Amino acid sequence: MTIILTPYWSNGVQKLKVAAQPTPPPKRGLIPPVLDTDIHFTRCLAQLRSKTSDLEKYIYLSHLKTDDPRMFYKLCLDYMPEITPLIYTPTVGEACVKFSHIYRRPEGLYVSIQDKGKIRSVINNWPKIDEARISVVTDGSRILGLGDLGVNGMGISIGKLSLYVAGAGIRPESTIPICLDLGTNTQRYLDDPLYMGIRRKRVADQEMTEFMDEFMHEMSTAFPKLMIQFEDFSTDNAFKYLERYRKKYPVFNDDIQGTGAVVLSGFLNAAKLASSASGRPLTDHRILFFGAGSAGVGVASQLMSFFTLLGMTEEEARRKIYLVDSQGLVYDARGHLAEHKKFFSRDDYQGPPMTDLLDIIDYVRPTALLGLSTITDAFTPDVLAAMASINHRPIVFPLSNPVKLAECSFSSAIEHTDGSVLFASGSPFPEQQYQGKTLYPGQGNNMYIFPGLGLAAILARVSEVTDSMVEASSLGLAHSLTEEEISLGLLYPRIERIREISAHIAKEVIRAAQKAGVDRSPDLRTKSDTELLQLIDLKMWKP
């Protein structure tokens, strides 16, 4: 595909209209006489590995995706553990911070607050408007743990959609990366002459909501077969806009629902191992969350399913979960709380504010400690030792991204729990040797969840993404481990199997959509599970 940029003037400002044309096959003599695909694959891999920094590798892969998408995605699939950290976390964090400086060519759709009132005219410039099936939309206000990056957040939308293609075989031309430019409150970007966004502070809440209402309406009419994934909105807005639109459009928030689903899956497997070691029933688990933002509360909400699936009531499940924010244990008598924290606020503690994590662990005596705080090394050796002192197999999930913001490393968790830890992180850590054994870290990578969920939403043409569909994705992942993976003590399957995993998740999610009555592909209802899996595999784009 060739991207054609045509300049035009609007309101006294020169703009570019983006159009795509099929790239004709090269004429004889314009490529080398012998360009073997397999050899060229080896050449591209060697070129990638010759780069001396991960950011240079990210830039190389971005070029390759534009120039030769089939080769790019073949590399992704054949070298998934090596490529995924380069096109997404952790490298995408650095790429987003420097996005305006490493920018090369248009990729994605930018919708600005200056387009308010005429958003449809911007959407209509998308060159593959009839092909669109899935979009990742960010406003750049809370990128990973890096803060408000403004329009530089486009790198997140681009990276997530690359994983949709690699992980679930969604066709590249069906994806739309979108960044909403609503300003930025980060002064260094406003002062940066290379920054590509509008130079103003973020818009007020009412103006943003008016903009979002128009944007979502116009997206739904321009792209009637589209699912939208919200990504990296600020905490309050993440909850606000998910609740505002989830019953009206097919929308999904990966930070809230995707993170919750992937953590629930790993927790299901970890809890079984922990209970087997302790001899205590699964209903005895207590979960302590260090971090109470959108991801923390989203995961907490999803983990209630662990207890309700065991037959507990919602109220009983809620009381198994404790939150810690920047002011310590979250409890009613502490005073004013943000709205999203109130559901899990404790009414059974009346004492003075409890701010020290060791004191909170001693009070709660949790079986699981989950970190979503973006506070580096918050799980100190003393904290890890405390978890090991009260649990045969402590569950410790430092889930903050990127690696430098993780609450602890895998090596530290092993060292300070004498190797007993059940560990999963948000970003990749290397395996470790301990007392003659190889120990493998789990990685609660959302990539396990959202590709299969998105593929299911597309194939079933869902009218909304229900809680039951998200839960189905989590259970599908938890049950996808092979016997070998179970024998190694893995909490998550190997990422190399992502297409197989995504197909299994898609099947489960489609069935959940049918049960909820939100599917609009009646022909899928009559297919057996085997036939449905065959169809899912057939629909996956293969490079």
Protein backbone atom coordinates (compact mmCIF):
# COMPACT_ATOMS: atom_id res chain seq x y z
CA MET A 1 0.00 0.00 0.00
CA THR A 2 1.26 3.49 -0.89
CA ILE A 3 0.29 6.43 1.32
CA ILE A 4 -0.48 9.60 -0.65
CA LEU A 5 -0.41 12.93 1.19
CA THR A 6 -2.28 15.77 -0.50
CA PRO A 7 -1.96 19.28 1.01
CA TYR A 8 -5.05 21.46 1.32
CA TRP A 9 -6.04 24.61 3.19
CA SER A 10 -8.70 24.84 5.91
CA ASN A 11 -9.42 27.96 7.97
CA GLY A 12 -6.12 29.43 6.87
CA VAL A 13 -4.13 26.37 7.99
CA GLN A 14 -2.42 23.99 5.59
CA LYS A 15 -3.39 20.39 6.29
CA LEU A 16 -2.68 17.00 4.74
CA LYS A 17 -5.28 14.60 3.41
CA VAL A 18 -4.18 10.98 3.71
CA ALA A 19 -5.14 8.49 1.02
CA ALA A 20 -3.99 4.97 0.29
CA GLN A 21 -3.42 3.31 -3.05
CA PRO A 22 -2.48 -0.31 -3.70
CA THR A 23 1.23 -0.63 -4.39
CA PRO A 24 1.71 -2.12 -7.87
CA PRO A 25 4.16 -5.01 -8.20
CA PRO A 26 7.68 -3.76 -8.98
CA LYS A 27 8.68 -3.79 -12.63
CA ARG A 28 11.43 -6.13 -13.76
CA GLY A 29 14.83 -4.73 -13.03
CA LEU A 30 13.67 -2.60 -10.10
CA ILE A 31 14.36 -5.30 -7.51
CA PRO A 32 17.32 -7.70 -7.33
CA PRO A 33 17.09 -10.73 -9.66
CA VAL A 34 16.93 -13.11 -6.68
CA LEU A 35 14.91 -11.95 -3.66
CA ASP A 36 14.04 -15.16 -1.84
CA THR A 37 11.41 -14.55 0.87
CA ASP A 38 13.03 -16.87 3.42
CA ILE A 39 16.44 -15.33 2.89
CA HIS A 40 14.95 -11.85 3.12
CA PHE A 41 13.36 -12.86 6.43
CA THR A 42 16.82 -13.79 7.72
CA ARG A 43 18.16 -10.49 6.36
CA CYS A 44 15.47 -8.45 8.16
CA LEU A 45 16.08 -10.29 11.43
CA ALA A 46 19.81 -9.65 11.14
CA GLN A 47 19.19 -5.97 10.43
CA LEU A 48 16.95 -5.73 13.49
CA ARG A 49 19.49 -7.39 15.75
CA SER A 50 22.28 -5.15 14.46
CA LYS A 51 20.64 -2.12 16.10
CA THR A 52 22.37 -1.08 19.30
CA SER A 53 19.36 0.15 21.30
CA ASP A 54 15.77 -0.94 21.76
CA LEU A 55 14.54 2.44 20.51
CA GLU A 56 16.50 2.00 17.27
CA LYS A 57 14.94 -1.45 16.94
CA TYR A 58 11.48 0.10 17.49
CA ILE A 59 12.13 2.65 14.72
CA TYR A 60 13.39 -0.07 12.36
CA LEU A 61 10.31 -2.21 12.98
CA SER A 62 8.03 0.80 12.43
CA HIS A 63 9.61 1.30 9.01
CA LEU A 64 9.32 -2.40 8.20
CA LYS A 65 5.63 -2.48 9.15
CA THR A 66 4.90 0.35 6.72
CA ASP A 67 7.12 -0.91 3.89
CA ASP A 68 6.54 -4.66 4.20
CA PRO A 69 3.73 -5.50 6.65
CA ARG A 70 3.78 -9.22 5.89
CA MET A 71 7.45 -9.44 6.77
CA PHE A 72 6.90 -7.38 9.92
CA TYR A 73 4.13 -9.66 11.17
CA LYS A 74 6.01 -12.81 10.19
CA LEU A 75 8.86 -11.61 12.40
CA CYS A 76 6.36 -10.90 15.18
CA LEU A 77 4.86 -14.38 15.04
CA ASP A 78 8.11 -16.32 14.66
CA TYR A 79 10.00 -14.34 17.32
CA MET A 80 7.17 -13.27 19.61
CA PRO A 81 9.15 -13.13 22.91
CA GLU A 82 11.84 -11.01 21.25
CA ILE A 83 9.62 -8.68 19.20
CA THR A 84 6.72 -8.02 21.59
CA PRO A 85 8.83 -6.04 24.12
CA LEU A 86 10.11 -3.92 21.22
CA ILE A 87 6.77 -2.97 19.68
CA TYR A 88 4.99 -2.66 22.99
CA THR A 89 5.97 -2.53 26.65
CA PRO A 90 8.60 -1.73 27.75
CA THR A 91 10.10 -0.07 24.64
CA VAL A 92 6.89 1.68 23.60
CA GLY A 93 7.15 3.79 26.76
CA GLU A 94 10.42 5.37 25.62
CA ALA A 95 9.06 5.63 22.07
CA CYS A 96 6.02 7.58 23.31
CA VAL A 97 8.09 9.96 25.45
CA LYS A 98 10.19 10.73 22.34
CA PHE A 99 7.42 10.28 19.76
CA SER A 100 7.55 13.83 18.39
CA HIS A 101 11.31 13.49 17.99
CA ILE A 102 11.38 10.11 16.23
CA TYR A 103 8.30 10.74 14.03
CA ARG A 104 8.84 9.74 10.39
CA ARG A 105 5.51 9.38 8.60
CA PRO A 106 1.74 9.49 9.21
CA GLU A 107 0.29 6.43 10.89
CA GLY A 108 -3.13 6.65 12.49
CA LEU A 109 -5.81 9.30 12.83
CA TYR A 110 -5.47 12.43 14.93
CA VAL A 111 -8.66 14.12 16.10
CA SER A 112 -8.12 17.46 17.83
CA ILE A 113 -10.28 19.60 20.09
CA GLN A 114 -10.01 22.10 17.24
CA ASP A 115 -12.10 19.63 15.19
CA LYS A 116 -15.01 19.81 17.65
CA GLY A 117 -18.22 20.34 15.67
CA LYS A 118 -16.72 18.84 12.50
CA ILE A 119 -15.24 15.55 13.65
CA ARG A 120 -16.98 13.59 10.89
CA SER A 121 -15.03 15.49 8.24
CA VAL A 122 -11.80 14.33 9.85
CA ILE A 123 -12.98 10.73 10.16
CA ASN A 124 -13.97 10.72 6.49
CA ASN A 125 -10.32 11.26 5.54
CA TRP A 126 -9.45 7.75 6.76
CA PRO A 127 -8.43 5.88 3.57
CA LYS A 128 -9.86 2.45 4.50
CA ILE A 129 -13.17 3.57 5.96
CA ASP A 130 -15.10 0.50 4.77
CA GLU A 131 -12.48 -1.92 6.10
CA ALA A 132 -12.41 -0.63 9.67
CA ARG A 133 -13.21 -3.20 12.35
CA ILE A 134 -11.18 -2.23 15.42
CA SER A 135 -9.71 0.98 16.82
CA VAL A 136 -7.54 1.77 19.81
CA VAL A 137 -8.26 5.30 21.06
CA THR A 138 -6.17 7.23 23.57
CA ASP A 139 -6.10 10.84 24.71
CA GLY A 140 -2.51 10.45 25.90
CA SER A 141 -3.34 11.63 29.40
CA ARG A 142 -1.90 8.67 31.34
CA ILE A 143 0.48 6.67 29.18
CA LEU A 144 1.66 3.58 31.06
CA GLY A 145 3.20 4.98 34.25
CA LEU A 146 4.73 7.93 32.42
CA GLY A 147 2.00 10.53 32.85
CA ASP A 148 0.44 13.00 30.42
CA LEU A 149 2.23 12.65 27.07
CA GLY A 150 -0.38 14.43 24.97
CA VAL A 151 -0.33 13.59 21.29
CA ASN A 152 2.80 11.47 21.82
CA GLY A 153 0.41 8.84 23.14
CA MET A 154 -0.28 7.80 19.54
CA GLY A 155 2.52 5.26 19.95
CA ILE A 156 0.30 3.33 22.37
CA SER A 157 -2.56 3.02 19.87
CA ILE A 158 -0.17 1.96 17.11
CA GLY A 159 1.52 -0.64 19.32
CA LYS A 160 -1.69 -2.17 20.67
CA LEU A 161 -3.11 -2.61 17.18
CA SER A 162 0.09 -4.31 16.01
CA LEU A 163 -0.57 -6.84 18.77
CA TYR A 164 -4.18 -7.28 17.62
CA VAL A 165 -2.85 -8.25 14.19
CA ALA A 166 -0.02 -10.44 15.46
CA GLY A 167 -1.99 -12.01 18.30
CA ALA A 168 -5.37 -12.66 16.69
CA GLY A 169 -4.91 -12.29 12.96
CA ILE A 170 -7.05 -9.18 12.55
CA ARG A 171 -6.24 -7.79 9.11
CA PRO A 172 -3.85 -4.78 9.23
CA GLU A 173 -6.14 -2.70 7.03
CA SER A 174 -9.00 -3.23 9.52
CA THR A 175 -7.21 -1.33 12.30
CA ILE A 176 -7.34 2.39 13.13
CA PRO A 177 -4.92 3.88 15.67
CA ILE A 178 -6.44 7.11 17.02
CA CYS A 179 -5.07 9.82 19.27
CA LEU A 180 -7.41 12.48 20.61
CA ASP A 181 -5.48 15.73 20.99
CA LEU A 182 -7.17 17.54 23.84
CA GLY A 183 -4.06 19.40 24.96
CA THR A 184 -1.47 18.43 27.55
CA ASN A 185 -0.64 19.58 31.05
CA THR A 186 3.02 18.57 30.67
CA GLN A 187 4.91 21.83 30.29
CA ARG A 188 8.02 20.34 28.70
CA TYR A 189 5.94 19.28 25.70
CA LEU A 190 4.27 22.67 25.40
CA ASP A 191 7.77 24.19 25.37
CA ASP A 192 9.23 21.60 22.97
CA PRO A 193 9.49 23.04 19.41
CA LEU A 194 9.22 19.51 17.97
CA TYR A 195 6.04 18.60 19.88
CA MET A 196 3.32 17.79 17.33
CA GLY A 197 0.21 18.47 19.40
CA ILE A 198 -1.74 21.65 19.97
CA ARG A 199 -0.05 23.95 22.48
CA ARG A 200 -2.60 24.36 25.21
CA LYS A 201 -3.52 22.91 28.57
CA ARG A 202 -6.05 20.09 28.64
CA VAL A 203 -9.67 21.03 28.06
CA ALA A 204 -12.15 21.22 30.94
CA ASP A 205 -14.37 18.23 31.80
CA GLN A 206 -17.57 19.55 30.19
CA GLU A 207 -15.85 20.44 26.92
CA MET A 208 -14.17 17.04 26.83
CA THR A 209 -17.47 15.23 27.38
CA GLU A 210 -19.13 17.21 24.59
CA PHE A 211 -16.18 16.33 22.34
CA MET A 212 -16.34 12.64 23.32
CA ASP A 213 -20.08 12.44 22.70
CA GLU A 214 -19.64 13.84 19.20
CA PHE A 215 -16.61 11.63 18.55
CA MET A 216 -18.33 8.41 19.61
CA HIS A 217 -21.49 9.20 17.65
CA GLU A 218 -19.57 9.99 14.48
CA MET A 219 -17.37 6.92 14.86
CA SER A 220 -20.42 4.68 15.22
CA THR A 221 -22.06 6.06 12.09
CA ALA A 222 -18.88 6.14 9.98
CA PHE A 223 -17.76 2.68 11.13
CA PRO A 224 -20.87 0.61 11.99
CA LYS A 225 -18.85 -2.62 12.36
CA LEU A 226 -16.17 -1.16 14.63
CA MET A 227 -15.17 -2.05 18.19
CA ILE A 228 -13.38 0.71 20.11
CA GLN A 229 -10.77 0.04 22.77
CA PHE A 230 -10.10 2.94 25.14
CA GLU A 231 -6.48 3.10 26.25
CA ASP A 232 -4.54 5.13 28.82
CA PHE A 233 -7.12 7.76 29.71
CA SER A 234 -6.68 9.38 33.14
CA THR A 235 -8.18 7.36 35.98
CA ASP A 236 -11.39 9.34 36.44
CA ASN A 237 -12.02 9.62 32.70
CA ALA A 238 -11.27 5.94 32.13
CA PHE A 239 -14.14 4.95 34.40
CA LYS A 240 -16.35 7.84 33.30
CA TYR A 241 -16.29 7.15 29.56
CA LEU A 242 -16.41 3.38 29.87
CA GLU A 243 -19.61 3.67 31.90
CA ARG A 244 -20.99 6.41 29.64
CA TYR A 245 -20.67 4.45 26.41
CA ARG A 246 -20.46 0.73 27.20
CA LYS A 247 -24.21 0.11 26.84
CA LYS A 248 -24.48 2.24 23.72
CA TYR A 249 -21.50 1.15 21.62
CA PRO A 250 -19.13 -1.84 21.43
CA VAL A 251 -16.39 -0.38 23.67
CA PHE A 252 -13.79 -1.92 25.93
CA ASN A 253 -11.25 -0.33 28.28
CA ASP A 254 -8.07 -2.34 28.34
CA ASP A 255 -6.64 -0.66 31.45
CA ILE A 256 -9.73 -1.51 33.48
CA GLN A 257 -11.17 -4.65 31.89
CA GLY A 258 -8.20 -6.13 30.04
CA THR A 259 -5.83 -5.80 32.97
CA GLY A 260 -8.50 -7.18 35.27
CA ALA A 261 -9.11 -10.18 33.04
CA VAL A 262 -5.46 -11.12 32.57
CA VAL A 263 -4.72 -10.77 36.29
CA LEU A 264 -7.80 -12.84 37.21
CA SER A 265 -6.53 -15.58 34.92
CA GLY A 266 -3.08 -15.68 36.51
CA PHE A 267 -4.58 -15.40 39.98
CA LEU A 268 -6.88 -18.37 39.35
CA ASN A 269 -3.86 -20.55 38.60
CA ALA A 270 -1.72 -19.07 41.40
CA ALA A 271 -4.48 -19.45 44.00
CA LYS A 272 -4.84 -23.15 43.24
CA LEU A 273 -1.11 -23.69 43.74
CA ALA A 274 -1.08 -21.61 46.92
CA SER A 275 -4.08 -23.42 48.41
CA SER A 276 -2.59 -26.78 47.50
CA ALA A 277 0.59 -25.84 49.40
CA SER A 278 -1.22 -24.50 52.47
CA GLY A 279 -4.13 -26.92 52.61
CA ARG A 280 -6.49 -23.95 53.02
CA PRO A 281 -9.64 -23.62 50.88
CA LEU A 282 -9.72 -21.22 47.95
CA THR A 283 -12.31 -19.14 49.77
CA ASP A 284 -9.67 -18.20 52.38
CA HIS A 285 -7.72 -16.00 49.98
CA ARG A 286 -7.43 -12.29 50.79
CA ILE A 287 -6.09 -9.84 48.23
CA LEU A 288 -4.26 -6.61 49.02
CA PHE A 289 -3.96 -4.04 46.22
CA PHE A 290 -1.11 -1.54 46.42
CA GLY A 291 -2.41 1.13 44.03
CA ALA A 292 -6.01 2.27 43.69
CA GLY A 293 -6.16 4.00 40.31
CA SER A 294 -8.19 2.84 37.31
CA ALA A 295 -6.06 -0.28 36.80
CA GLY A 296 -6.05 -1.22 40.49
CA VAL A 297 -9.79 -0.81 40.98
CA GLY A 298 -10.49 -2.42 37.60
CA VAL A 299 -8.46 -5.48 38.57
CA ALA A 300 -10.11 -5.59 42.00
CA SER A 301 -13.54 -5.55 40.38
CA GLN A 302 -12.56 -8.38 38.06
CA LEU A 303 -11.03 -10.46 40.87
CA MET A 304 -14.37 -10.50 42.65
CA SER A 305 -15.25 -13.11 40.02
CA PHE A 306 -12.69 -15.44 41.59
CA PHE A 307 -14.81 -15.56 44.74
CA THR A 308 -18.27 -15.44 43.14
CA LEU A 309 -17.30 -18.39 40.91
CA LEU A 310 -16.69 -20.28 44.17
CA GLY A 311 -20.28 -19.60 45.20
CA MET A 312 -19.72 -16.56 47.41
CA THR A 313 -22.05 -13.57 47.26
CA GLU A 314 -20.87 -10.27 45.78
CA GLU A 315 -20.74 -8.76 49.26
CA GLU A 316 -18.66 -11.67 50.57
CA ALA A 317 -16.34 -11.31 47.59
CA ARG A 318 -15.98 -7.55 48.08
CA ARG A 319 -14.86 -8.03 51.67
CA LYS A 320 -11.98 -10.24 50.53
CA ILE A 321 -10.34 -7.25 48.82
CA TYR A 322 -8.36 -4.40 50.41
CA LEU A 323 -7.02 -1.27 48.70
CA VAL A 324 -3.97 0.86 49.53
CA ASP A 325 -3.51 4.27 47.91
CA SER A 326 -1.00 7.09 48.46
CA GLN A 327 -2.55 7.78 51.87
CA GLY A 328 -2.54 4.17 53.05
CA LEU A 329 -5.34 1.72 53.69
CA VAL A 330 -8.60 2.84 52.06
CA TYR A 331 -11.37 2.89 54.67
CA ASP A 332 -14.58 4.85 55.23
CA ALA A 333 -13.62 6.68 58.41
CA ARG A 334 -10.53 8.15 56.70
CA GLY A 335 -12.65 10.85 55.07
CA HIS A 336 -13.20 12.01 51.49
CA LEU A 337 -12.54 9.35 48.82
CA ALA A 338 -12.52 9.45 45.03
CA GLU A 339 -15.70 7.91 43.68
CA HIS A 340 -14.01 4.89 42.09
CA LYS A 341 -12.46 3.83 45.44
CA LYS A 342 -15.65 3.85 47.50
CA PHE A 343 -16.91 0.38 46.55
CA PHE A 344 -13.87 -1.33 48.10
CA SER A 345 -13.44 1.07 51.02
CA ARG A 346 -13.43 -0.79 54.34
CA ASP A 347 -16.13 -0.18 56.91
CA ASP A 348 -14.61 -2.65 59.42
CA TYR A 349 -11.59 -0.53 60.35
CA GLN A 350 -12.02 2.50 62.61
CA GLY A 351 -8.47 3.16 63.78
CA PRO A 352 -5.96 5.83 62.88
CA PRO A 353 -4.70 6.10 59.28
CA MET A 354 -2.55 3.08 58.43
CA THR A 355 0.13 4.17 55.97
CA ASP A 356 3.01 1.72 56.34
CA LEU A 357 2.70 -1.27 53.99
CA LEU A 358 4.25 -3.62 56.56
CA ASP A 359 1.66 -2.58 59.14
CA ILE A 360 -1.12 -3.08 56.59
CA ILE A 361 0.16 -6.57 55.72
CA ASP A 362 0.27 -7.44 59.42
CA TYR A 363 -3.33 -6.23 59.80
CA VAL A 364 -4.82 -7.76 56.63
CA ARG A 365 -2.64 -10.91 56.48
CA PRO A 366 -3.17 -11.21 52.72
CA THR A 367 -2.45 -14.31 50.68
CA ALA A 368 -1.85 -12.10 47.62
CA LEU A 369 -0.15 -8.72 47.16
CA LEU A 370 -0.81 -6.97 43.85
CA GLY A 371 1.02 -3.82 42.77
CA LEU A 372 -0.51 -1.28 40.39
CA SER A 373 1.12 1.81 41.87
CA THR A 374 3.97 2.63 39.42
CA ILE A 375 6.21 3.04 42.51
CA THR A 376 9.56 1.40 41.81
CA ASP A 377 10.63 -1.25 44.37
CA ALA A 378 7.69 -0.53 46.67
CA PHE A 379 7.74 -4.24 47.56
CA THR A 380 10.89 -4.06 49.67
CA PRO A 381 12.79 -7.08 50.99
CA ASP A 382 10.95 -6.65 54.31
CA VAL A 383 7.57 -6.61 52.53
CA LEU A 384 8.41 -9.74 50.55
CA ALA A 385 9.71 -11.50 53.66
CA ALA A 386 6.52 -10.55 55.52
CA MET A 387 4.39 -12.11 52.76
CA ALA A 388 6.48 -15.30 52.92
CA SER A 389 6.21 -15.45 56.73
CA ILE A 390 2.41 -15.74 56.61
CA ASN A 391 2.03 -17.85 53.43
CA HIS A 392 3.53 -21.12 52.24
CA ARG A 393 3.37 -19.82 48.65
CA PRO A 394 2.86 -16.02 48.70
CA ILE A 395 1.25 -14.57 45.58
CA VAL A 396 3.12 -11.41 44.54
CA PHE A 397 2.12 -9.64 41.32
CA PRO A 398 4.08 -6.39 40.67
CA LEU A 399 2.01 -5.30 37.68
CA SER A 400 3.15 -1.73 36.99
CA ASN A 401 4.65 -0.98 33.58
CA PRO A 402 7.29 -0.45 32.28
CA VAL A 403 9.93 -2.59 34.03
CA LYS A 404 11.57 0.38 35.73
CA LEU A 405 8.28 1.13 37.56
CA ALA A 406 7.61 -2.43 38.75
CA GLU A 407 7.07 -2.80 42.49
CA CYS A 408 9.80 -5.48 42.63
CA SER A 409 11.87 -7.65 40.34
CA PHE A 410 11.55 -11.41 39.92
CA SER A 411 15.03 -11.99 41.34
CA SER A 412 14.22 -9.94 44.45
CA ALA A 413 10.92 -11.77 44.94
CA ILE A 414 12.68 -15.13 44.77
CA GLU A 415 15.53 -14.10 47.06
CA HIS A 416 13.37 -12.66 49.83
CA THR A 417 10.72 -15.41 49.84
CA ASP A 418 13.28 -18.26 49.68
CA GLY A 419 11.97 -19.24 46.27
CA SER A 420 8.39 -19.80 47.42
CA VAL A 421 6.83 -16.86 45.56
CA LEU A 422 4.10 -17.22 42.91
CA PHE A 423 5.04 -14.30 40.69
CA ALA A 424 3.55 -12.45 37.76
CA SER A 425 4.52 -9.00 36.49
CA GLY A 426 3.22 -6.53 33.94
CA SER A 427 6.49 -6.35 32.01
CA PRO A 428 8.90 -9.16 31.16
CA PHE A 429 11.55 -10.37 33.61
CA PRO A 430 14.18 -13.05 32.85
CA GLU A 431 13.94 -16.54 34.29
CA GLN A 432 16.07 -17.26 37.35
CA GLN A 433 18.13 -20.15 38.69
CA TYR A 434 17.41 -21.06 42.31
CA GLN A 435 18.81 -24.04 44.18
CA GLY A 436 19.47 -25.93 40.96
CA LYS A 437 16.03 -25.25 39.47
CA THR A 438 14.91 -22.90 36.71
CA LEU A 439 12.08 -20.65 37.88
CA TYR A 440 9.89 -18.89 35.34
CA PRO A 441 8.19 -15.53 35.96
CA GLY A 442 4.60 -15.10 34.87
CA GLN A 443 3.84 -12.03 32.81
CA GLY A 444 0.29 -10.72 33.11
CA ASN A 445 0.47 -9.23 29.63
CA ASN A 446 -2.85 -7.85 28.39
CA MET A 447 -1.82 -9.18 24.99
CA TYR A 448 -3.13 -12.55 26.18
CA ILE A 449 -6.64 -11.09 26.46
CA PHE A 450 -7.51 -8.24 24.13
CA PRO A 451 -6.64 -9.77 20.72
CA GLY A 452 -8.95 -12.75 21.22
CA LEU A 453 -11.64 -10.59 22.80
CA GLY A 454 -11.47 -8.13 19.90
CA LEU A 455 -11.59 -10.90 17.31
CA ALA A 456 -14.67 -12.35 19.00
CA ALA A 457 -16.36 -8.94 19.04
CA ILE A 458 -15.72 -8.56 15.31
CA LEU A 459 -16.85 -12.05 14.29
CA ALA A 460 -19.96 -12.00 16.49
CA ARG A 461 -20.67 -8.35 15.57
CA VAL A 462 -21.50 -7.58 19.19
CA SER A 463 -23.61 -4.58 20.16
CA GLU A 464 -21.72 -4.23 23.47
CA VAL A 465 -18.90 -5.85 25.44
CA THR A 466 -20.48 -7.35 28.55
CA ASP A 467 -18.88 -8.24 31.88
CA SER A 468 -19.62 -11.88 31.11
CA MET A 469 -17.59 -11.63 27.89
CA VAL A 470 -14.61 -10.19 29.78
CA GLU A 471 -14.91 -12.94 32.40
CA ALA A 472 -15.08 -15.54 29.63
CA SER A 473 -11.81 -14.22 28.16
CA SER A 474 -10.15 -14.60 31.55
CA LEU A 475 -11.39 -18.14 32.13
CA GLY A 476 -10.45 -19.07 28.59
CA LEU A 477 -6.88 -17.93 29.21
CA ALA A 478 -6.66 -19.65 32.60
CA HIS A 479 -7.70 -22.96 31.04
CA SER A 480 -5.38 -22.73 28.02
CA LEU A 481 -2.17 -24.03 29.63
CA THR A 482 -0.70 -27.24 28.25
CA GLU A 483 0.33 -30.15 30.49
CA GLU A 484 3.98 -29.19 30.02
CA GLU A 485 3.31 -25.59 31.05
CA ILE A 486 1.44 -26.77 34.15
CA SER A 487 4.32 -29.10 35.07
CA LEU A 488 6.74 -26.16 34.95
CA GLY A 489 4.56 -24.21 37.37
CA LEU A 490 3.67 -21.53 34.82
CA LEU A 491 0.77 -19.21 35.62
CA TYR A 492 0.36 -18.15 31.98
CA PRO A 493 0.88 -20.07 28.75
CA ARG A 494 3.89 -19.38 26.57
CA ILE A 495 3.42 -16.29 24.44
CA GLU A 496 4.61 -18.18 21.34
CA ARG A 497 1.19 -19.89 21.33
CA ILE A 498 -0.69 -16.60 21.15
CA ARG A 499 -2.69 -17.42 18.00
CA GLU A 500 -3.89 -20.73 19.49
CA ILE A 501 -4.69 -19.00 22.80
CA SER A 502 -6.53 -16.14 21.07
CA ALA A 503 -8.64 -18.59 19.07
CA HIS A 504 -9.65 -20.42 22.26
CA ILE A 505 -10.48 -17.13 24.00
CA ALA A 506 -12.45 -15.90 20.98
CA LYS A 507 -14.59 -19.04 21.06
CA GLU A 508 -15.37 -18.59 24.75
CA VAL A 509 -16.16 -14.89 24.32
CA ILE A 510 -18.46 -15.54 21.34
CA ARG A 511 -20.38 -18.09 23.40
CA ALA A 512 -20.67 -15.57 26.25
CA ALA A 513 -21.92 -12.91 23.82
CA GLN A 514 -24.53 -15.33 22.49
CA LYS A 515 -25.66 -16.18 26.01
CA ALA A 516 -25.94 -12.46 26.83
CA GLY A 517 -27.91 -11.82 23.63
CA VAL A 518 -25.55 -9.12 22.33
CA ASP A 519 -24.31 -10.98 19.22
CA ARG A 520 -25.51 -10.07 15.73
CA SER A 521 -24.11 -13.02 13.75
CA PRO A 522 -26.85 -15.64 14.11
CA ASP A 523 -25.07 -18.11 11.83
CA LEU A 524 -22.41 -18.64 14.51
CA ARG A 525 -25.00 -19.85 17.03
CA THR A 526 -25.63 -23.08 15.13
CA LYS A 527 -21.97 -24.10 14.91
CA SER A 528 -20.45 -26.63 17.27
CA ASP A 529 -17.40 -25.60 19.27
CA THR A 530 -15.17 -27.49 16.85
CA GLU A 531 -16.78 -25.79 13.85
CA LEU A 532 -16.53 -22.40 15.55
CA LEU A 533 -12.81 -22.88 16.26
CA GLN A 534 -12.26 -23.87 12.64
CA LEU A 535 -14.05 -20.73 11.48
CA ILE A 536 -12.04 -18.53 13.86
CA ASP A 537 -8.78 -20.00 12.53
CA LEU A 538 -9.96 -19.52 8.96
CA LYS A 539 -10.76 -15.84 9.62
CA MET A 540 -7.32 -15.10 11.10
CA TRP A 541 -5.09 -13.15 8.71
CA LYS A 542 -1.79 -14.91 8.18
CA PRO A 543 1.31 -13.11 6.89
